[in-house]
Amino acid sequence: MFLENYCVMLNLAASGRFTKNHFMRHVMMWMILSLILSTAGAQNISAKYRVVRTVHAPMPGDSNFLIRHEFTAYFYQQNNRTISYLMQRYEGKEEHAAHSEDSSAYPVYIARPEDGMEMINYIDFSKSSYKHWSHLQKFEQDFELPVQYWQLTGETRVIGKMTCRKATYTKDGRLIKTIWYCPEIPAAAGPLFTVNVPGFVADMEELSSGLHFYLESVDTMEPVTDLAFKLDELSEITGKRGHVIKSN
């Protein structure tokens, strides 16, 4: 609830509607803001997502052809350190779901020469560090945390055993992300470059990338160990790019 009220204040400030009345109403929020954020960072969270990316790929004679890729994503929060990473692993086939004009769908499987890890995108919010690993390139790059103001819609939905609420992020009049969050679980960030969230993100759809994150599991009871932050593939990264990523 505290984080939700904080998001409301950010939205009011951004729109220029934060008046003296709002100040009197929310003055306590400013006094304990640092405590709220430190509490969010102190919550241990281990989460796993199934990620589906759907992109339009028009084919000759079929303008509705869609390609669907599936990934696995993880989110870990330990004390004041938070990371999120997405992994793509091929297991011998890649499914292309083709939608014809009559809305029917049929799978087309494309064999890969070998199974194994294909790609990792690793984001360390605490260090503002982004790491990319793939067979084609490996690098580390700094990024600027985006400023994201979430609109709380009031809609609710049950995901697993959690009662979640809906929030949207819009930039320049364009809807960027939709999340379903659990306000009872304070979180410092969410999947990919998602920040200022009003609670743990249980479901997220990012329209620009076509990625949809579906929660598979979450654990807030077991301690998060340092091993969660280490991936063997990332040890192969030695180069660091000079320019800074600016994400939405």
Protein backbone atom coordinates (compact mmCIF):
# COMPACT_ATOMS: atom_id res chain seq x y z
CA MET A 1 0.00 0.00 0.00
CA PHE A 2 2.82 2.43 0.80
CA LEU A 3 4.43 1.77 -2.57
CA GLU A 4 1.08 2.24 -4.31
CA ASN A 5 0.60 5.64 -2.66
CA TYR A 6 4.16 6.58 -3.61
CA CYS A 7 3.37 5.77 -7.25
CA VAL A 8 0.27 7.98 -7.03
CA MET A 9 2.47 10.85 -5.80
CA LEU A 10 4.90 10.36 -8.68
CA ASN A 11 2.02 10.51 -11.17
CA LEU A 12 0.63 13.69 -9.61
CA ALA A 13 4.05 15.34 -9.61
CA ALA A 14 4.62 14.38 -13.24
CA SER A 15 1.26 15.89 -14.29
CA GLY A 16 1.73 19.12 -12.31
CA ARG A 17 -1.32 18.39 -10.13
CA PHE A 18 0.56 17.97 -6.83
CA THR A 19 -0.95 20.83 -4.73
CA LYS A 20 -0.76 21.86 -1.08
CA ASN A 21 -3.74 19.62 -0.33
CA HIS A 22 -1.85 16.67 -1.76
CA PHE A 23 1.15 17.65 0.32
CA MET A 24 -0.83 17.54 3.58
CA ARG A 25 -2.33 14.24 2.57
CA HIS A 26 0.96 12.58 1.71
CA VAL A 27 3.48 14.35 3.93
CA MET A 28 4.03 11.17 5.94
CA MET A 29 4.91 9.33 2.76
CA TRP A 30 7.86 11.64 2.14
CA MET A 31 9.07 11.15 5.70
CA ILE A 32 9.19 7.37 5.43
CA LEU A 33 10.03 7.02 1.75
CA SER A 34 13.60 5.94 2.41
CA LEU A 35 12.32 3.36 4.91
CA ILE A 36 9.90 1.97 2.36
CA LEU A 37 12.57 1.58 -0.28
CA SER A 38 14.98 -0.05 2.13
CA THR A 39 12.22 -2.45 3.20
CA ALA A 40 11.54 -3.32 -0.43
CA GLY A 41 15.20 -4.05 -0.96
CA ALA A 42 15.31 -6.22 2.16
CA GLN A 43 12.60 -8.61 0.94
CA ASN A 44 14.03 -11.89 -0.36
CA ILE A 45 12.39 -12.93 -3.62
CA SER A 46 13.10 -15.82 -5.99
CA ALA A 47 10.84 -15.96 -9.03
CA LYS A 48 10.72 -17.86 -12.30
CA TYR A 49 8.76 -16.85 -15.40
CA ARG A 50 7.77 -18.47 -18.67
CA VAL A 51 8.27 -15.84 -21.34
CA VAL A 52 6.56 -15.87 -24.71
CA ARG A 53 7.56 -13.52 -27.53
CA THR A 54 5.17 -13.22 -30.44
CA VAL A 55 6.20 -11.26 -33.52
CA HIS A 56 4.47 -10.67 -36.82
CA ALA A 57 6.42 -12.05 -39.76
CA PRO A 58 4.35 -11.70 -42.95
CA MET A 59 4.94 -14.48 -45.45
CA PRO A 60 4.06 -14.53 -49.16
CA GLY A 61 0.35 -15.20 -49.33
CA ASP A 62 -0.13 -15.01 -45.55
CA SER A 63 0.05 -11.57 -43.91
CA ASN A 64 -0.97 -12.96 -40.50
CA PHE A 65 2.02 -15.24 -39.99
CA LEU A 66 3.25 -15.14 -36.39
CA ILE A 67 6.45 -16.50 -34.89
CA ARG A 68 6.42 -17.49 -31.24
CA HIS A 69 9.59 -17.93 -29.19
CA GLU A 70 9.64 -19.16 -25.62
CA PHE A 71 12.22 -18.19 -22.99
CA THR A 72 12.79 -18.60 -19.27
CA ALA A 73 13.31 -15.60 -17.00
CA TYR A 74 14.39 -15.30 -13.38
CA PHE A 75 14.12 -12.52 -10.81
CA TYR A 76 16.12 -12.44 -7.58
CA GLN A 77 16.12 -9.92 -4.75
CA GLN A 78 18.52 -10.29 -1.84
CA ASN A 79 18.82 -7.54 0.75
CA ASN A 80 19.63 -4.49 -1.38
CA ARG A 81 20.67 -6.33 -4.53
CA THR A 82 18.24 -7.06 -7.34
CA ILE A 83 18.79 -8.83 -10.65
CA SER A 84 16.64 -10.01 -13.53
CA TYR A 85 17.73 -12.17 -16.40
CA LEU A 86 16.19 -13.83 -19.42
CA MET A 87 17.53 -17.04 -20.93
CA GLN A 88 16.85 -18.58 -24.32
CA ARG A 89 17.68 -22.25 -24.68
CA TYR A 90 17.02 -24.32 -27.80
CA GLU A 91 16.00 -27.93 -27.26
CA GLY A 92 16.14 -29.20 -30.79
CA LYS A 93 13.13 -27.34 -32.18
CA GLU A 94 11.63 -23.91 -32.51
CA GLU A 95 7.90 -23.52 -32.89
CA HIS A 96 6.50 -21.15 -35.47
CA ALA A 97 2.76 -20.66 -35.01
CA ALA A 98 1.23 -19.64 -38.32
CA HIS A 99 -2.17 -17.98 -38.23
CA SER A 100 -4.04 -18.04 -41.50
CA GLU A 101 -6.92 -15.77 -42.48
CA ASP A 102 -9.49 -18.14 -40.94
CA SER A 103 -7.69 -17.73 -37.58
CA SER A 104 -6.59 -21.37 -37.48
CA ALA A 105 -3.11 -22.12 -36.16
CA TYR A 106 -0.66 -24.86 -36.96
CA PRO A 107 2.84 -25.46 -35.59
CA VAL A 108 5.91 -25.68 -37.78
CA TYR A 109 8.99 -27.15 -36.10
CA ILE A 110 12.44 -26.13 -37.27
CA ALA A 111 15.27 -28.40 -36.15
CA ARG A 112 18.39 -26.86 -34.66
CA PRO A 113 21.82 -28.44 -35.16
CA GLU A 114 22.38 -28.79 -31.41
CA ASP A 115 20.68 -28.18 -28.09
CA GLY A 116 21.98 -25.82 -25.45
CA MET A 117 22.09 -22.23 -24.28
CA GLU A 118 21.52 -19.67 -27.00
CA MET A 119 21.27 -16.29 -25.28
CA ILE A 120 21.30 -14.58 -21.85
CA ASN A 121 20.29 -11.00 -21.05
CA TYR A 122 21.34 -10.22 -17.47
CA ILE A 123 20.38 -7.00 -15.64
CA ASP A 124 21.89 -6.03 -12.28
CA PHE A 125 19.83 -3.11 -11.00
CA SER A 126 22.09 -2.52 -8.01
CA LYS A 127 25.12 -1.95 -10.24
CA SER A 128 23.27 -0.49 -13.26
CA SER A 129 24.97 -3.20 -15.30
CA TYR A 130 23.62 -5.05 -18.33
CA LYS A 131 25.35 -8.17 -19.62
CA HIS A 132 24.63 -9.97 -22.87
CA TRP A 133 25.88 -13.44 -23.68
CA SER A 134 25.33 -15.31 -26.93
CA HIS A 135 27.36 -17.32 -29.40
CA LEU A 136 27.67 -14.22 -31.59
CA GLN A 137 28.69 -11.61 -29.01
CA LYS A 138 29.49 -11.18 -25.34
CA PHE A 139 29.67 -7.79 -23.61
CA GLU A 140 28.85 -5.74 -20.53
CA GLN A 141 27.29 -2.31 -20.66
CA ASP A 142 26.13 0.32 -18.14
CA PHE A 143 22.54 1.53 -18.28
CA GLU A 144 20.52 4.43 -16.91
CA LEU A 145 17.56 3.48 -14.77
CA PRO A 146 14.43 4.67 -16.58
CA VAL A 147 11.88 6.91 -14.88
CA GLN A 148 8.60 5.01 -15.04
CA TYR A 149 5.31 6.36 -13.67
CA TRP A 150 2.73 3.62 -13.19
CA GLN A 151 -0.99 4.25 -13.53
CA LEU A 152 -2.91 2.10 -11.02
CA THR A 153 -6.17 0.95 -12.64
CA GLY A 154 -7.88 -0.65 -9.62
CA GLU A 155 -8.49 -3.90 -11.50
CA THR A 156 -7.71 -7.12 -9.62
CA ARG A 157 -6.87 -10.66 -10.69
CA VAL A 158 -5.77 -13.81 -8.86
CA ILE A 159 -2.44 -15.26 -10.02
CA GLY A 160 -1.51 -18.42 -8.18
CA LYS A 161 -2.61 -17.66 -4.63
CA MET A 162 -1.89 -13.94 -4.89
CA THR A 163 -4.45 -11.20 -5.38
CA CYS A 164 -2.79 -8.94 -7.91
CA ARG A 165 -3.60 -5.48 -9.21
CA LYS A 166 -3.15 -3.98 -12.64
CA ALA A 167 -0.91 -1.03 -13.52
CA THR A 168 0.15 0.45 -16.84
CA TYR A 169 3.14 2.48 -17.99
CA THR A 170 2.60 4.97 -20.80
CA LYS A 171 5.21 7.18 -22.47
CA ASP A 172 4.51 9.94 -24.99
CA GLY A 173 0.89 8.77 -25.20
CA ARG A 174 1.90 5.21 -26.07
CA LEU A 175 1.27 2.18 -23.86
CA ILE A 176 4.63 0.56 -23.12
CA LYS A 177 3.98 -2.04 -20.42
CA THR A 178 1.14 -3.63 -18.48
CA ILE A 179 1.84 -5.37 -15.19
CA TRP A 180 -0.12 -7.31 -12.60
CA TYR A 181 1.55 -6.83 -9.23
CA CYS A 182 1.17 -8.07 -5.67
CA PRO A 183 1.30 -5.08 -3.26
CA GLU A 184 1.87 -7.39 -0.26
CA ILE A 185 5.31 -8.34 -1.61
CA PRO A 186 7.53 -5.23 -1.84
CA ALA A 187 9.93 -5.33 -4.77
CA ALA A 188 12.55 -2.89 -6.00
CA ALA A 189 12.13 -3.76 -9.69
CA GLY A 190 10.62 -6.27 -12.11
CA PRO A 191 11.53 -8.24 -15.23
CA LEU A 192 13.84 -6.59 -17.74
CA PHE A 193 14.23 -2.80 -17.32
CA THR A 194 11.17 -2.40 -15.11
CA VAL A 195 11.47 -0.11 -12.07
CA ASN A 196 9.44 1.97 -9.59
CA VAL A 197 6.98 -0.93 -9.35
CA PRO A 198 4.25 -0.77 -6.66
CA GLY A 199 4.80 -4.43 -5.73
CA PHE A 200 6.11 -7.78 -6.94
CA VAL A 201 5.39 -8.25 -10.66
CA ALA A 202 3.53 -11.51 -11.25
CA ASP A 203 2.67 -10.88 -14.90
CA MET A 204 4.00 -8.41 -17.44
CA GLU A 205 3.39 -7.64 -21.08
CA GLU A 206 5.82 -5.36 -22.93
CA LEU A 207 4.25 -4.20 -26.15
CA SER A 208 7.39 -2.84 -27.82
CA SER A 209 9.24 -6.17 -27.65
CA GLY A 210 6.24 -8.52 -27.85
CA LEU A 211 7.36 -10.22 -24.61
CA HIS A 212 4.84 -11.58 -22.12
CA PHE A 213 6.04 -12.82 -18.72
CA TYR A 214 3.91 -15.50 -17.05
CA LEU A 215 4.79 -16.33 -13.45
CA GLU A 216 5.65 -20.00 -12.87
CA SER A 217 6.84 -19.84 -9.25
CA VAL A 218 7.79 -17.38 -6.51
CA ASP A 219 9.41 -17.92 -3.11
CA THR A 220 9.71 -15.22 -0.46
CA MET A 221 10.54 -17.48 2.47
CA GLU A 222 13.83 -19.13 1.55
CA PRO A 223 17.00 -16.97 1.69
CA VAL A 224 18.45 -16.01 -1.68
CA THR A 225 22.06 -17.20 -1.84
CA ASP A 226 24.91 -15.56 -3.76
CA LEU A 227 24.83 -18.45 -6.23
CA ALA A 228 21.61 -17.04 -7.67
CA PHE A 229 23.55 -14.05 -8.99
CA LYS A 230 26.24 -16.07 -10.74
CA LEU A 231 25.97 -17.68 -14.18
CA ASP A 232 28.88 -19.64 -15.62
CA GLU A 233 28.41 -18.17 -19.09
CA LEU A 234 28.85 -14.61 -17.82
CA SER A 235 32.42 -15.37 -16.74
CA GLU A 236 33.29 -15.40 -20.45
CA ILE A 237 32.44 -11.69 -20.74
CA THR A 238 35.59 -9.56 -20.69
CA GLY A 239 34.75 -6.49 -22.75
CA LYS A 240 32.71 -3.49 -21.64
CA ARG A 241 31.07 -1.04 -24.01
CA GLY A 242 31.61 2.63 -23.42
CA HIS A 243 28.20 4.12 -24.22
CA VAL A 244 25.27 3.89 -21.80
CA ILE A 245 21.94 2.16 -22.49
CA LYS A 246 18.90 4.39 -22.09
CA SER A 247 15.82 2.19 -21.82
CA ASN A 248 12.13 3.13 -21.76
